[in-house]
Amino acid sequence: MLVRSLIAVLLSIPATFALVGVVLVLIPQSTNAILPVLLLVFPVWMTLTCCSYLVSELRQTVLGLVAIAGLGFGLIAMLRWTGLTLV
């Protein structure tokens, strides 16, 4: 249970930053929505952490959280590289 807890807490942090980062890249920087989106970090982190306990196999949890983080950061990089960001 300690391994599952460490994996859930530590691997959900990059996934949270990736998800919130995608939203921040897509909203205009001049709006007043930046602070509320940044305040969503804790609820998103807790949701990912709690949902990782629902998956029965530990390997699927690790692969899922790493995939969310990788796809999120990849999407941020692609949006910035193509110039589609509003930042």
Protein backbone atom coordinates (compact mmCIF):
# COMPACT_ATOMS: atom_id res chain seq x y z
CA MET A 1 0.00 0.00 0.00
CA LEU A 2 2.93 2.34 0.62
CA VAL A 3 4.19 1.84 -2.95
CA ARG A 4 0.73 2.56 -4.36
CA SER A 5 0.47 5.71 -2.24
CA LEU A 6 3.87 6.99 -3.32
CA ILE A 7 3.14 6.30 -6.96
CA ALA A 8 -0.29 7.91 -6.73
CA VAL A 9 0.99 11.07 -5.06
CA LEU A 10 4.29 11.52 -6.91
CA LEU A 11 3.18 10.62 -10.44
CA SER A 12 -0.05 12.59 -10.27
CA ILE A 13 1.84 15.88 -9.76
CA PRO A 14 3.37 16.03 -13.28
CA ALA A 15 0.06 14.87 -14.76
CA THR A 16 -1.70 17.68 -12.91
CA PHE A 17 0.77 20.27 -14.14
CA ALA A 18 0.35 18.98 -17.69
CA LEU A 19 -3.45 19.17 -17.58
CA VAL A 20 -3.54 22.61 -16.01
CA GLY A 21 -0.75 23.76 -18.34
CA VAL A 22 -2.75 22.78 -21.42
CA VAL A 23 -5.66 24.87 -20.17
CA LEU A 24 -3.37 27.82 -19.39
CA VAL A 25 -1.79 27.67 -22.83
CA LEU A 26 -5.20 27.74 -24.52
CA ILE A 27 -6.71 30.71 -22.65
CA PRO A 28 -5.71 34.29 -23.48
CA GLN A 29 -3.25 35.82 -21.06
CA SER A 30 -5.20 39.06 -20.83
CA THR A 31 -8.24 37.45 -19.21
CA ASN A 32 -9.01 37.23 -15.53
CA ALA A 33 -9.28 33.44 -15.77
CA ILE A 34 -5.61 32.69 -15.11
CA LEU A 35 -5.80 32.73 -11.32
CA PRO A 36 -8.92 30.52 -11.11
CA VAL A 37 -7.27 28.00 -13.45
CA LEU A 38 -4.14 28.01 -11.30
CA LEU A 39 -6.30 27.43 -8.24
CA LEU A 40 -7.57 24.23 -9.90
CA VAL A 41 -4.18 22.57 -9.37
CA PHE A 42 -5.07 21.16 -5.96
CA PRO A 43 -8.52 19.74 -6.90
CA VAL A 44 -7.11 18.20 -10.09
CA TRP A 45 -4.19 16.70 -8.15
CA MET A 46 -6.52 15.23 -5.52
CA THR A 47 -8.81 13.85 -8.22
CA LEU A 48 -5.96 12.14 -10.05
CA THR A 49 -4.58 10.79 -6.79
CA CYS A 50 -7.94 9.38 -5.72
CA CYS A 51 -8.69 7.97 -9.16
CA SER A 52 -5.36 6.18 -9.22
CA TYR A 53 -6.55 4.04 -6.31
CA LEU A 54 -9.53 2.87 -8.37
CA VAL A 55 -7.30 1.11 -10.90
CA SER A 56 -6.69 -2.45 -9.79
CA GLU A 57 -3.21 -2.98 -11.23
CA LEU A 58 -0.26 -0.83 -10.24
CA ARG A 59 1.32 -1.03 -13.68
CA GLN A 60 -1.81 0.41 -15.32
CA THR A 61 -1.81 3.28 -12.81
CA VAL A 62 1.81 4.13 -13.55
CA LEU A 63 1.33 3.90 -17.31
CA GLY A 64 -1.82 5.99 -17.17
CA LEU A 65 -0.30 8.81 -15.12
CA VAL A 66 2.88 8.84 -17.20
CA ALA A 67 0.81 8.86 -20.39
CA ILE A 68 -1.30 11.78 -19.17
CA ALA A 69 1.82 13.74 -18.25
CA GLY A 70 3.64 12.89 -21.48
CA LEU A 71 0.70 13.69 -23.73
CA GLY A 72 -0.05 16.89 -21.85
CA PHE A 73 3.50 18.22 -22.01
CA GLY A 74 3.76 17.08 -25.62
CA LEU A 75 0.57 18.95 -26.47
CA ILE A 76 1.89 22.08 -24.77
CA ALA A 77 5.14 21.85 -26.71
CA MET A 78 3.31 21.24 -29.99
CA LEU A 79 0.96 24.18 -29.44
CA ARG A 80 3.86 26.49 -28.61
CA TRP A 81 5.94 25.23 -31.55
CA THR A 82 3.12 25.73 -34.05
CA GLY A 83 2.25 29.16 -32.67
CA LEU A 84 -1.30 28.25 -31.72
CA THR A 85 -0.87 29.38 -28.13
CA LEU A 86 -2.40 32.57 -26.91
CA VAL A 87 0.57 33.36 -24.68
